[in-house]
Amino acid sequence: IPFLVPRAAILLQEIGSNFFDSLAVKQ
């Protein structure tokens, strides 16, 4: 089910955001 404790939800968001940034930097 799509639920996480806040700590884990923040980590997941950070992974997605950092992945976006890495793709942009590497063109």
mmCIF file of all heavy atoms, coordinates in Angstrom:
data_MODEL
# 
_entry.id   MODEL 
# 
loop_
_atom_site.group_PDB 
_atom_site.id 
_atom_site.type_symbol 
_atom_site.label_atom_id 
_atom_site.label_alt_id 
_atom_site.label_comp_id 
_atom_site.label_asym_id 
_atom_site.label_entity_id 
_atom_site.label_seq_id 
_atom_site.pdbx_PDB_ins_code 
_atom_site.Cartn_x 
_atom_site.Cartn_y 
_atom_site.Cartn_z 
_atom_site.occupancy 
_atom_site.B_iso_or_equiv 
_atom_site.pdbx_formal_charge 
_atom_site.auth_seq_id 
_atom_site.auth_comp_id 
_atom_site.auth_asym_id 
_atom_site.auth_atom_id 
_atom_site.pdbx_PDB_model_num 
ATOM 1   N N   . ILE A 1 1  ? 0.851  -1.192 0.000   1.00 0.00 ? 1  ILE A N   1 
ATOM 2   C CA  . ILE A 1 1  ? 0.000  0.000  0.000   1.00 0.00 ? 1  ILE A CA  1 
ATOM 3   C C   . ILE A 1 1  ? 0.891  1.249  0.000   1.00 0.00 ? 1  ILE A C   1 
ATOM 4   O O   . ILE A 1 1  ? 1.997  1.222  0.543   1.00 0.00 ? 1  ILE A O   1 
ATOM 5   C CB  . ILE A 1 1  ? -0.944 0.007  1.219   1.00 0.00 ? 1  ILE A CB  1 
ATOM 6   C CG1 . ILE A 1 1  ? -0.161 -0.175 2.517   1.00 0.00 ? 1  ILE A CG1 1 
ATOM 7   C CG2 . ILE A 1 1  ? -1.997 -1.081 1.085   1.00 0.00 ? 1  ILE A CG2 1 
ATOM 8   C CD1 . ILE A 1 1  ? -1.016 -0.148 3.772   1.00 0.00 ? 1  ILE A CD1 1 
ATOM 9   N N   . PRO A 1 2  ? 0.436  2.344  -0.613  1.00 0.00 ? 2  PRO A N   1 
ATOM 10  C CA  . PRO A 1 2  ? 1.292  3.525  -0.805  1.00 0.00 ? 2  PRO A CA  1 
ATOM 11  C C   . PRO A 1 2  ? 1.424  4.419  0.427   1.00 0.00 ? 2  PRO A C   1 
ATOM 12  O O   . PRO A 1 2  ? 1.028  5.592  0.420   1.00 0.00 ? 2  PRO A O   1 
ATOM 13  C CB  . PRO A 1 2  ? 0.582  4.263  -1.947  1.00 0.00 ? 2  PRO A CB  1 
ATOM 14  C CG  . PRO A 1 2  ? -0.858 3.945  -1.733  1.00 0.00 ? 2  PRO A CG  1 
ATOM 15  C CD  . PRO A 1 2  ? -0.887 2.514  -1.245  1.00 0.00 ? 2  PRO A CD  1 
ATOM 16  N N   . PHE A 1 3  ? 2.001  3.887  1.491   1.00 0.00 ? 3  PHE A N   1 
ATOM 17  C CA  . PHE A 1 3  ? 2.232  4.660  2.703   1.00 0.00 ? 3  PHE A CA  1 
ATOM 18  C C   . PHE A 1 3  ? 3.649  4.432  3.199   1.00 0.00 ? 3  PHE A C   1 
ATOM 19  O O   . PHE A 1 3  ? 4.201  3.335  3.087   1.00 0.00 ? 3  PHE A O   1 
ATOM 20  C CB  . PHE A 1 3  ? 1.240  4.259  3.805   1.00 0.00 ? 3  PHE A CB  1 
ATOM 21  C CG  . PHE A 1 3  ? -0.178 4.660  3.529   1.00 0.00 ? 3  PHE A CG  1 
ATOM 22  C CD1 . PHE A 1 3  ? -1.076 3.732  3.015   1.00 0.00 ? 3  PHE A CD1 1 
ATOM 23  C CD2 . PHE A 1 3  ? -0.613 5.952  3.762   1.00 0.00 ? 3  PHE A CD2 1 
ATOM 24  C CE1 . PHE A 1 3  ? -2.384 4.085  2.757   1.00 0.00 ? 3  PHE A CE1 1 
ATOM 25  C CE2 . PHE A 1 3  ? -1.924 6.320  3.499   1.00 0.00 ? 3  PHE A CE2 1 
ATOM 26  C CZ  . PHE A 1 3  ? -2.821 5.390  2.992   1.00 0.00 ? 3  PHE A CZ  1 
ATOM 27  N N   . LEU A 1 4  ? 4.250  5.490  3.756   1.00 0.00 ? 4  LEU A N   1 
ATOM 28  C CA  . LEU A 1 4  ? 5.571  5.421  4.366   1.00 0.00 ? 4  LEU A CA  1 
ATOM 29  C C   . LEU A 1 4  ? 5.591  6.316  5.600   1.00 0.00 ? 4  LEU A C   1 
ATOM 30  O O   . LEU A 1 4  ? 4.791  7.249  5.705   1.00 0.00 ? 4  LEU A O   1 
ATOM 31  C CB  . LEU A 1 4  ? 6.661  5.890  3.394   1.00 0.00 ? 4  LEU A CB  1 
ATOM 32  C CG  . LEU A 1 4  ? 7.020  4.998  2.200   1.00 0.00 ? 4  LEU A CG  1 
ATOM 33  C CD1 . LEU A 1 4  ? 7.960  5.743  1.254   1.00 0.00 ? 4  LEU A CD1 1 
ATOM 34  C CD2 . LEU A 1 4  ? 7.663  3.690  2.667   1.00 0.00 ? 4  LEU A CD2 1 
ATOM 35  N N   . VAL A 1 5  ? 6.514  6.049  6.502   1.00 0.00 ? 5  VAL A N   1 
ATOM 36  C CA  . VAL A 1 5  ? 6.730  6.997  7.589   1.00 0.00 ? 5  VAL A CA  1 
ATOM 37  C C   . VAL A 1 5  ? 7.349  8.250  6.958   1.00 0.00 ? 5  VAL A C   1 
ATOM 38  O O   . VAL A 1 5  ? 8.012  8.162  5.914   1.00 0.00 ? 5  VAL A O   1 
ATOM 39  C CB  . VAL A 1 5  ? 7.656  6.416  8.676   1.00 0.00 ? 5  VAL A CB  1 
ATOM 40  C CG1 . VAL A 1 5  ? 7.002  5.228  9.358   1.00 0.00 ? 5  VAL A CG1 1 
ATOM 41  C CG2 . VAL A 1 5  ? 9.017  6.032  8.099   1.00 0.00 ? 5  VAL A CG2 1 
ATOM 42  N N   . PRO A 1 6  ? 7.136  9.428  7.548   1.00 0.00 ? 6  PRO A N   1 
ATOM 43  C CA  . PRO A 1 6  ? 7.648  10.675 6.943   1.00 0.00 ? 6  PRO A CA  1 
ATOM 44  C C   . PRO A 1 6  ? 9.134  10.624 6.612   1.00 0.00 ? 6  PRO A C   1 
ATOM 45  O O   . PRO A 1 6  ? 9.562  11.130 5.572   1.00 0.00 ? 6  PRO A O   1 
ATOM 46  C CB  . PRO A 1 6  ? 7.348  11.728 8.017   1.00 0.00 ? 6  PRO A CB  1 
ATOM 47  C CG  . PRO A 1 6  ? 6.144  11.185 8.720   1.00 0.00 ? 6  PRO A CG  1 
ATOM 48  C CD  . PRO A 1 6  ? 6.336  9.695  8.755   1.00 0.00 ? 6  PRO A CD  1 
ATOM 49  N N   . ARG A 1 7  ? 9.929  10.008 7.464   1.00 0.00 ? 7  ARG A N   1 
ATOM 50  C CA  . ARG A 1 7  ? 11.371 9.925  7.250   1.00 0.00 ? 7  ARG A CA  1 
ATOM 51  C C   . ARG A 1 7  ? 11.696 9.215  5.938   1.00 0.00 ? 7  ARG A C   1 
ATOM 52  O O   . ARG A 1 7  ? 12.583 9.649  5.185   1.00 0.00 ? 7  ARG A O   1 
ATOM 53  C CB  . ARG A 1 7  ? 11.982 9.173  8.444   1.00 0.00 ? 7  ARG A CB  1 
ATOM 54  C CG  . ARG A 1 7  ? 13.492 9.158  8.507   1.00 0.00 ? 7  ARG A CG  1 
ATOM 55  C CD  . ARG A 1 7  ? 13.950 8.243  9.641   1.00 0.00 ? 7  ARG A CD  1 
ATOM 56  N NE  . ARG A 1 7  ? 15.357 8.411  9.941   1.00 0.00 ? 7  ARG A NE  1 
ATOM 57  C CZ  . ARG A 1 7  ? 15.838 9.200  10.870  1.00 0.00 ? 7  ARG A CZ  1 
ATOM 58  N NH1 . ARG A 1 7  ? 15.009 9.940  11.600  1.00 0.00 ? 7  ARG A NH1 1 
ATOM 59  N NH2 . ARG A 1 7  ? 17.140 9.285  11.085  1.00 0.00 ? 7  ARG A NH2 1 
ATOM 60  N N   . ALA A 1 8  ? 10.982 8.137  5.666   1.00 0.00 ? 8  ALA A N   1 
ATOM 61  C CA  . ALA A 1 8  ? 11.219 7.373  4.435   1.00 0.00 ? 8  ALA A CA  1 
ATOM 62  C C   . ALA A 1 8  ? 10.671 8.107  3.219   1.00 0.00 ? 8  ALA A C   1 
ATOM 63  O O   . ALA A 1 8  ? 11.253 8.038  2.127   1.00 0.00 ? 8  ALA A O   1 
ATOM 64  C CB  . ALA A 1 8  ? 10.582 5.992  4.556   1.00 0.00 ? 8  ALA A CB  1 
ATOM 65  N N   . ALA A 1 9  ? 9.544  8.791  3.384   1.00 0.00 ? 9  ALA A N   1 
ATOM 66  C CA  . ALA A 1 9  ? 8.964  9.555  2.270   1.00 0.00 ? 9  ALA A CA  1 
ATOM 67  C C   . ALA A 1 9  ? 9.912  10.661 1.824   1.00 0.00 ? 9  ALA A C   1 
ATOM 68  O O   . ALA A 1 9  ? 10.053 10.938 0.621   1.00 0.00 ? 9  ALA A O   1 
ATOM 69  C CB  . ALA A 1 9  ? 7.616  10.139 2.688   1.00 0.00 ? 9  ALA A CB  1 
ATOM 70  N N   . ILE A 1 10 ? 10.565 11.308 2.779   1.00 0.00 ? 10 ILE A N   1 
ATOM 71  C CA  . ILE A 1 10 ? 11.534 12.369 2.450   1.00 0.00 ? 10 ILE A CA  1 
ATOM 72  C C   . ILE A 1 10 ? 12.721 11.779 1.698   1.00 0.00 ? 10 ILE A C   1 
ATOM 73  O O   . ILE A 1 10 ? 13.223 12.362 0.732   1.00 0.00 ? 10 ILE A O   1 
ATOM 74  C CB  . ILE A 1 10 ? 12.009 13.078 3.737   1.00 0.00 ? 10 ILE A CB  1 
ATOM 75  C CG1 . ILE A 1 10 ? 10.855 13.885 4.349   1.00 0.00 ? 10 ILE A CG1 1 
ATOM 76  C CG2 . ILE A 1 10 ? 13.199 13.988 3.451   1.00 0.00 ? 10 ILE A CG2 1 
ATOM 77  C CD1 . ILE A 1 10 ? 11.161 14.457 5.715   1.00 0.00 ? 10 ILE A CD1 1 
ATOM 78  N N   . LEU A 1 11 ? 13.187 10.605 2.125   1.00 0.00 ? 11 LEU A N   1 
ATOM 79  C CA  . LEU A 1 11 ? 14.304 9.941  1.441   1.00 0.00 ? 11 LEU A CA  1 
ATOM 80  C C   . LEU A 1 11 ? 13.933 9.615  0.000   1.00 0.00 ? 11 LEU A C   1 
ATOM 81  O O   . LEU A 1 11 ? 14.731 9.848  -0.925  1.00 0.00 ? 11 LEU A O   1 
ATOM 82  C CB  . LEU A 1 11 ? 14.687 8.667  2.187   1.00 0.00 ? 11 LEU A CB  1 
ATOM 83  C CG  . LEU A 1 11 ? 15.721 7.775  1.482   1.00 0.00 ? 11 LEU A CG  1 
ATOM 84  C CD1 . LEU A 1 11 ? 17.067 8.483  1.380   1.00 0.00 ? 11 LEU A CD1 1 
ATOM 85  C CD2 . LEU A 1 11 ? 15.871 6.433  2.214   1.00 0.00 ? 11 LEU A CD2 1 
ATOM 86  N N   . LEU A 1 12 ? 12.748 9.076  -0.216  1.00 0.00 ? 12 LEU A N   1 
ATOM 87  C CA  . LEU A 1 12 ? 12.310 8.731  -1.566  1.00 0.00 ? 12 LEU A CA  1 
ATOM 88  C C   . LEU A 1 12 ? 12.266 9.970  -2.451  1.00 0.00 ? 12 LEU A C   1 
ATOM 89  O O   . LEU A 1 12 ? 12.705 9.937  -3.611  1.00 0.00 ? 12 LEU A O   1 
ATOM 90  C CB  . LEU A 1 12 ? 10.926 8.069  -1.515  1.00 0.00 ? 12 LEU A CB  1 
ATOM 91  C CG  . LEU A 1 12 ? 10.272 7.731  -2.855  1.00 0.00 ? 12 LEU A CG  1 
ATOM 92  C CD1 . LEU A 1 12 ? 11.167 6.828  -3.698  1.00 0.00 ? 12 LEU A CD1 1 
ATOM 93  C CD2 . LEU A 1 12 ? 8.910  7.074  -2.631  1.00 0.00 ? 12 LEU A CD2 1 
ATOM 94  N N   . GLN A 1 13 ? 11.764 11.066 -1.913  1.00 0.00 ? 13 GLN A N   1 
ATOM 95  C CA  . GLN A 1 13 ? 11.721 12.324 -2.670  1.00 0.00 ? 13 GLN A CA  1 
ATOM 96  C C   . GLN A 1 13 ? 13.130 12.801 -3.015  1.00 0.00 ? 13 GLN A C   1 
ATOM 97  O O   . GLN A 1 13 ? 13.388 13.287 -4.117  1.00 0.00 ? 13 GLN A O   1 
ATOM 98  C CB  . GLN A 1 13 ? 10.988 13.391 -1.849  1.00 0.00 ? 13 GLN A CB  1 
ATOM 99  C CG  . GLN A 1 13 ? 10.692 14.678 -2.604  1.00 0.00 ? 13 GLN A CG  1 
ATOM 100 C CD  . GLN A 1 13 ? 9.506  14.538 -3.535  1.00 0.00 ? 13 GLN A CD  1 
ATOM 101 O OE1 . GLN A 1 13 ? 8.845  13.501 -3.568  1.00 0.00 ? 13 GLN A OE1 1 
ATOM 102 N NE2 . GLN A 1 13 ? 9.228  15.582 -4.298  1.00 0.00 ? 13 GLN A NE2 1 
ATOM 103 N N   . GLU A 1 14 ? 14.049 12.643 -2.076  1.00 0.00 ? 14 GLU A N   1 
ATOM 104 C CA  . GLU A 1 14 ? 15.438 13.067 -2.306  1.00 0.00 ? 14 GLU A CA  1 
ATOM 105 C C   . GLU A 1 14 ? 16.097 12.223 -3.396  1.00 0.00 ? 14 GLU A C   1 
ATOM 106 O O   . GLU A 1 14 ? 16.850 12.749 -4.222  1.00 0.00 ? 14 GLU A O   1 
ATOM 107 C CB  . GLU A 1 14 ? 16.235 12.971 -1.006  1.00 0.00 ? 14 GLU A CB  1 
ATOM 108 C CG  . GLU A 1 14 ? 17.645 13.521 -1.118  1.00 0.00 ? 14 GLU A CG  1 
ATOM 109 C CD  . GLU A 1 14 ? 18.376 13.575 0.213   1.00 0.00 ? 14 GLU A CD  1 
ATOM 110 O OE1 . GLU A 1 14 ? 17.818 13.059 1.216   1.00 0.00 ? 14 GLU A OE1 1 
ATOM 111 O OE2 . GLU A 1 14 ? 19.501 14.100 0.253   1.00 0.00 ? 14 GLU A OE2 1 
ATOM 112 N N   . ILE A 1 15 ? 15.814 10.939 -3.405  1.00 0.00 ? 15 ILE A N   1 
ATOM 113 C CA  . ILE A 1 15 ? 16.369 10.064 -4.440  1.00 0.00 ? 15 ILE A CA  1 
ATOM 114 C C   . ILE A 1 15 ? 15.887 10.512 -5.813  1.00 0.00 ? 15 ILE A C   1 
ATOM 115 O O   . ILE A 1 15 ? 16.679 10.645 -6.758  1.00 0.00 ? 15 ILE A O   1 
ATOM 116 C CB  . ILE A 1 15 ? 15.966 8.597  -4.179  1.00 0.00 ? 15 ILE A CB  1 
ATOM 117 C CG1 . ILE A 1 15 ? 16.652 8.061  -2.922  1.00 0.00 ? 15 ILE A CG1 1 
ATOM 118 C CG2 . ILE A 1 15 ? 16.326 7.716  -5.385  1.00 0.00 ? 15 ILE A CG2 1 
ATOM 119 C CD1 . ILE A 1 15 ? 16.168 6.694  -2.489  1.00 0.00 ? 15 ILE A CD1 1 
ATOM 120 N N   . GLY A 1 16 ? 14.565 10.744 -5.932  1.00 0.00 ? 16 GLY A N   1 
ATOM 121 C CA  . GLY A 1 16 ? 14.017 11.185 -7.210  1.00 0.00 ? 16 GLY A CA  1 
ATOM 122 C C   . GLY A 1 16 ? 14.577 12.514 -7.659  1.00 0.00 ? 16 GLY A C   1 
ATOM 123 O O   . GLY A 1 16 ? 14.921 12.707 -8.834  1.00 0.00 ? 16 GLY A O   1 
ATOM 124 N N   . SER A 1 17 ? 14.705 13.457 -6.730  1.00 0.00 ? 17 SER A N   1 
ATOM 125 C CA  . SER A 1 17 ? 15.228 14.783 -7.046  1.00 0.00 ? 17 SER A CA  1 
ATOM 126 C C   . SER A 1 17 ? 16.698 14.720 -7.460  1.00 0.00 ? 17 SER A C   1 
ATOM 127 O O   . SER A 1 17 ? 17.118 15.340 -8.443  1.00 0.00 ? 17 SER A O   1 
ATOM 128 C CB  . SER A 1 17 ? 15.061 15.707 -5.834  1.00 0.00 ? 17 SER A CB  1 
ATOM 129 O OG  . SER A 1 17 ? 15.658 16.958 -6.052  1.00 0.00 ? 17 SER A OG  1 
ATOM 130 N N   . ASN A 1 18 ? 17.502 13.961 -6.710  1.00 0.00 ? 18 ASN A N   1 
ATOM 131 C CA  . ASN A 1 18 ? 18.928 13.830 -7.034  1.00 0.00 ? 18 ASN A CA  1 
ATOM 132 C C   . ASN A 1 18 ? 19.139 13.126 -8.374  1.00 0.00 ? 18 ASN A C   1 
ATOM 133 O O   . ASN A 1 18 ? 20.078 13.439 -9.115  1.00 0.00 ? 18 ASN A O   1 
ATOM 134 C CB  . ASN A 1 18 ? 19.648 13.057 -5.926  1.00 0.00 ? 18 ASN A CB  1 
ATOM 135 C CG  . ASN A 1 18 ? 19.754 13.855 -4.640  1.00 0.00 ? 18 ASN A CG  1 
ATOM 136 O OD1 . ASN A 1 18 ? 19.303 14.995 -4.563  1.00 0.00 ? 18 ASN A OD1 1 
ATOM 137 N ND2 . ASN A 1 18 ? 20.330 13.258 -3.619  1.00 0.00 ? 18 ASN A ND2 1 
ATOM 138 N N   . PHE A 1 19 ? 18.263 12.164 -8.683  1.00 0.00 ? 19 PHE A N   1 
ATOM 139 C CA  . PHE A 1 19 ? 18.345 11.471 -9.970  1.00 0.00 ? 19 PHE A CA  1 
ATOM 140 C C   . PHE A 1 19 ? 18.092 12.453 -11.109 1.00 0.00 ? 19 PHE A C   1 
ATOM 141 O O   . PHE A 1 19 ? 18.816 12.453 -12.118 1.00 0.00 ? 19 PHE A O   1 
ATOM 142 C CB  . PHE A 1 19 ? 17.322 10.337 -9.997  1.00 0.00 ? 19 PHE A CB  1 
ATOM 143 C CG  . PHE A 1 19 ? 17.348 9.496  -11.246 1.00 0.00 ? 19 PHE A CG  1 
ATOM 144 C CD1 . PHE A 1 19 ? 18.474 8.758  -11.577 1.00 0.00 ? 19 PHE A CD1 1 
ATOM 145 C CD2 . PHE A 1 19 ? 16.244 9.437  -12.087 1.00 0.00 ? 19 PHE A CD2 1 
ATOM 146 C CE1 . PHE A 1 19 ? 18.509 7.975  -12.730 1.00 0.00 ? 19 PHE A CE1 1 
ATOM 147 C CE2 . PHE A 1 19 ? 16.268 8.657  -13.237 1.00 0.00 ? 19 PHE A CE2 1 
ATOM 148 C CZ  . PHE A 1 19 ? 17.398 7.925  -13.559 1.00 0.00 ? 19 PHE A CZ  1 
ATOM 149 N N   . PHE A 1 20 ? 17.091 13.318 -10.956 1.00 0.00 ? 20 PHE A N   1 
ATOM 150 C CA  . PHE A 1 20 ? 16.815 14.361 -11.944 1.00 0.00 ? 20 PHE A CA  1 
ATOM 151 C C   . PHE A 1 20 ? 18.040 15.250 -12.147 1.00 0.00 ? 20 PHE A C   1 
ATOM 152 O O   . PHE A 1 20 ? 18.436 15.552 -13.277 1.00 0.00 ? 20 PHE A O   1 
ATOM 153 C CB  . PHE A 1 20 ? 15.633 15.223 -11.472 1.00 0.00 ? 20 PHE A CB  1 
ATOM 154 C CG  . PHE A 1 20 ? 14.324 14.844 -12.109 1.00 0.00 ? 20 PHE A CG  1 
ATOM 155 C CD1 . PHE A 1 20 ? 14.010 13.526 -12.389 1.00 0.00 ? 20 PHE A CD1 1 
ATOM 156 C CD2 . PHE A 1 20 ? 13.385 15.819 -12.430 1.00 0.00 ? 20 PHE A CD2 1 
ATOM 157 C CE1 . PHE A 1 20 ? 12.800 13.182 -12.975 1.00 0.00 ? 20 PHE A CE1 1 
ATOM 158 C CE2 . PHE A 1 20 ? 12.171 15.483 -13.013 1.00 0.00 ? 20 PHE A CE2 1 
ATOM 159 C CZ  . PHE A 1 20 ? 11.886 14.169 -13.283 1.00 0.00 ? 20 PHE A CZ  1 
ATOM 160 N N   . ASP A 1 21 ? 18.630 15.701 -11.034 1.00 0.00 ? 21 ASP A N   1 
ATOM 161 C CA  . ASP A 1 21 ? 19.793 16.591 -11.113 1.00 0.00 ? 21 ASP A CA  1 
ATOM 162 C C   . ASP A 1 21 ? 20.967 15.917 -11.808 1.00 0.00 ? 21 ASP A C   1 
ATOM 163 O O   . ASP A 1 21 ? 21.657 16.542 -12.627 1.00 0.00 ? 21 ASP A O   1 
ATOM 164 C CB  . ASP A 1 21 ? 20.217 17.024 -9.702  1.00 0.00 ? 21 ASP A CB  1 
ATOM 165 C CG  . ASP A 1 21 ? 19.206 17.947 -9.047  1.00 0.00 ? 21 ASP A CG  1 
ATOM 166 O OD1 . ASP A 1 21 ? 18.349 18.509 -9.768  1.00 0.00 ? 21 ASP A OD1 1 
ATOM 167 O OD2 . ASP A 1 21 ? 19.265 18.115 -7.810  1.00 0.00 ? 21 ASP A OD2 1 
ATOM 168 N N   . SER A 1 22 ? 21.194 14.655 -11.489 1.00 0.00 ? 22 SER A N   1 
ATOM 169 C CA  . SER A 1 22 ? 22.316 13.933 -12.100 1.00 0.00 ? 22 SER A CA  1 
ATOM 170 C C   . SER A 1 22 ? 22.132 13.769 -13.602 1.00 0.00 ? 22 SER A C   1 
ATOM 171 O O   . SER A 1 22 ? 23.080 13.903 -14.377 1.00 0.00 ? 22 SER A O   1 
ATOM 172 C CB  . SER A 1 22 ? 22.480 12.557 -11.445 1.00 0.00 ? 22 SER A CB  1 
ATOM 173 O OG  . SER A 1 22 ? 22.890 12.684 -10.108 1.00 0.00 ? 22 SER A OG  1 
ATOM 174 N N   . LEU A 1 23 ? 20.905 13.484 -14.012 1.00 0.00 ? 23 LEU A N   1 
ATOM 175 C CA  . LEU A 1 23 ? 20.637 13.369 -15.442 1.00 0.00 ? 23 LEU A CA  1 
ATOM 176 C C   . LEU A 1 23 ? 20.902 14.695 -16.145 1.00 0.00 ? 23 LEU A C   1 
ATOM 177 O O   . LEU A 1 23 ? 21.476 14.731 -17.245 1.00 0.00 ? 23 LEU A O   1 
ATOM 178 C CB  . LEU A 1 23 ? 19.180 12.940 -15.670 1.00 0.00 ? 23 LEU A CB  1 
ATOM 179 C CG  . LEU A 1 23 ? 18.805 11.516 -15.239 1.00 0.00 ? 23 LEU A CG  1 
ATOM 180 C CD1 . LEU A 1 23 ? 17.321 11.271 -15.489 1.00 0.00 ? 23 LEU A CD1 1 
ATOM 181 C CD2 . LEU A 1 23 ? 19.635 10.473 -15.976 1.00 0.00 ? 23 LEU A CD2 1 
ATOM 182 N N   . ALA A 1 24 ? 20.483 15.794 -15.507 1.00 0.00 ? 24 ALA A N   1 
ATOM 183 C CA  . ALA A 1 24 ? 20.677 17.118 -16.114 1.00 0.00 ? 24 ALA A CA  1 
ATOM 184 C C   . ALA A 1 24 ? 22.157 17.450 -16.237 1.00 0.00 ? 24 ALA A C   1 
ATOM 185 O O   . ALA A 1 24 ? 22.617 17.933 -17.282 1.00 0.00 ? 24 ALA A O   1 
ATOM 186 C CB  . ALA A 1 24 ? 19.962 18.179 -15.280 1.00 0.00 ? 24 ALA A CB  1 
ATOM 187 N N   . VAL A 1 25 ? 22.925 17.195 -15.190 1.00 0.00 ? 25 VAL A N   1 
ATOM 188 C CA  . VAL A 1 25 ? 24.358 17.491 -15.198 1.00 0.00 ? 25 VAL A CA  1 
ATOM 189 C C   . VAL A 1 25 ? 25.078 16.662 -16.257 1.00 0.00 ? 25 VAL A C   1 
ATOM 190 O O   . VAL A 1 25 ? 25.993 17.138 -16.923 1.00 0.00 ? 25 VAL A O   1 
ATOM 191 C CB  . VAL A 1 25 ? 24.962 17.222 -13.798 1.00 0.00 ? 25 VAL A CB  1 
ATOM 192 C CG1 . VAL A 1 25 ? 26.486 17.212 -13.858 1.00 0.00 ? 25 VAL A CG1 1 
ATOM 193 C CG2 . VAL A 1 25 ? 24.487 18.272 -12.806 1.00 0.00 ? 25 VAL A CG2 1 
ATOM 194 N N   . LYS A 1 26 ? 24.649 15.419 -16.450 1.00 0.00 ? 26 LYS A N   1 
ATOM 195 C CA  . LYS A 1 26 ? 25.304 14.534 -17.411 1.00 0.00 ? 26 LYS A CA  1 
ATOM 196 C C   . LYS A 1 26 ? 24.693 14.633 -18.814 1.00 0.00 ? 26 LYS A C   1 
ATOM 197 O O   . LYS A 1 26 ? 25.027 13.846 -19.697 1.00 0.00 ? 26 LYS A O   1 
ATOM 198 C CB  . LYS A 1 26 ? 25.226 13.087 -16.898 1.00 0.00 ? 26 LYS A CB  1 
ATOM 199 C CG  . LYS A 1 26 ? 25.933 12.880 -15.558 1.00 0.00 ? 26 LYS A CG  1 
ATOM 200 C CD  . LYS A 1 26 ? 25.746 11.468 -15.046 1.00 0.00 ? 26 LYS A CD  1 
ATOM 201 C CE  . LYS A 1 26 ? 26.230 11.321 -13.610 1.00 0.00 ? 26 LYS A CE  1 
ATOM 202 N NZ  . LYS A 1 26 ? 27.658 11.638 -13.442 1.00 0.00 ? 26 LYS A NZ  1 
ATOM 203 N N   . GLN A 1 27 ? 23.773 15.584 -18.980 1.00 0.00 ? 27 GLN A N   1 
ATOM 204 C CA  . GLN A 1 27 ? 23.141 15.848 -20.282 1.00 0.00 ? 27 GLN A CA  1 
ATOM 205 C C   . GLN A 1 27 ? 22.410 14.608 -20.817 1.00 0.00 ? 27 GLN A C   1 
ATOM 206 O O   . GLN A 1 27 ? 22.508 14.263 -21.996 1.00 0.00 ? 27 GLN A O   1 
ATOM 207 C CB  . GLN A 1 27 ? 24.184 16.329 -21.278 1.00 0.00 ? 27 GLN A CB  1 
ATOM 208 C CG  . GLN A 1 27 ? 24.938 17.576 -20.841 1.00 0.00 ? 27 GLN A CG  1 
ATOM 209 C CD  . GLN A 1 27 ? 26.007 17.992 -21.823 1.00 0.00 ? 27 GLN A CD  1 
ATOM 210 O OE1 . GLN A 1 27 ? 25.774 18.031 -23.019 1.00 0.00 ? 27 GLN A OE1 1 
ATOM 211 N NE2 . GLN A 1 27 ? 27.196 18.301 -21.313 1.00 0.00 ? 27 GLN A NE2 1 
# 
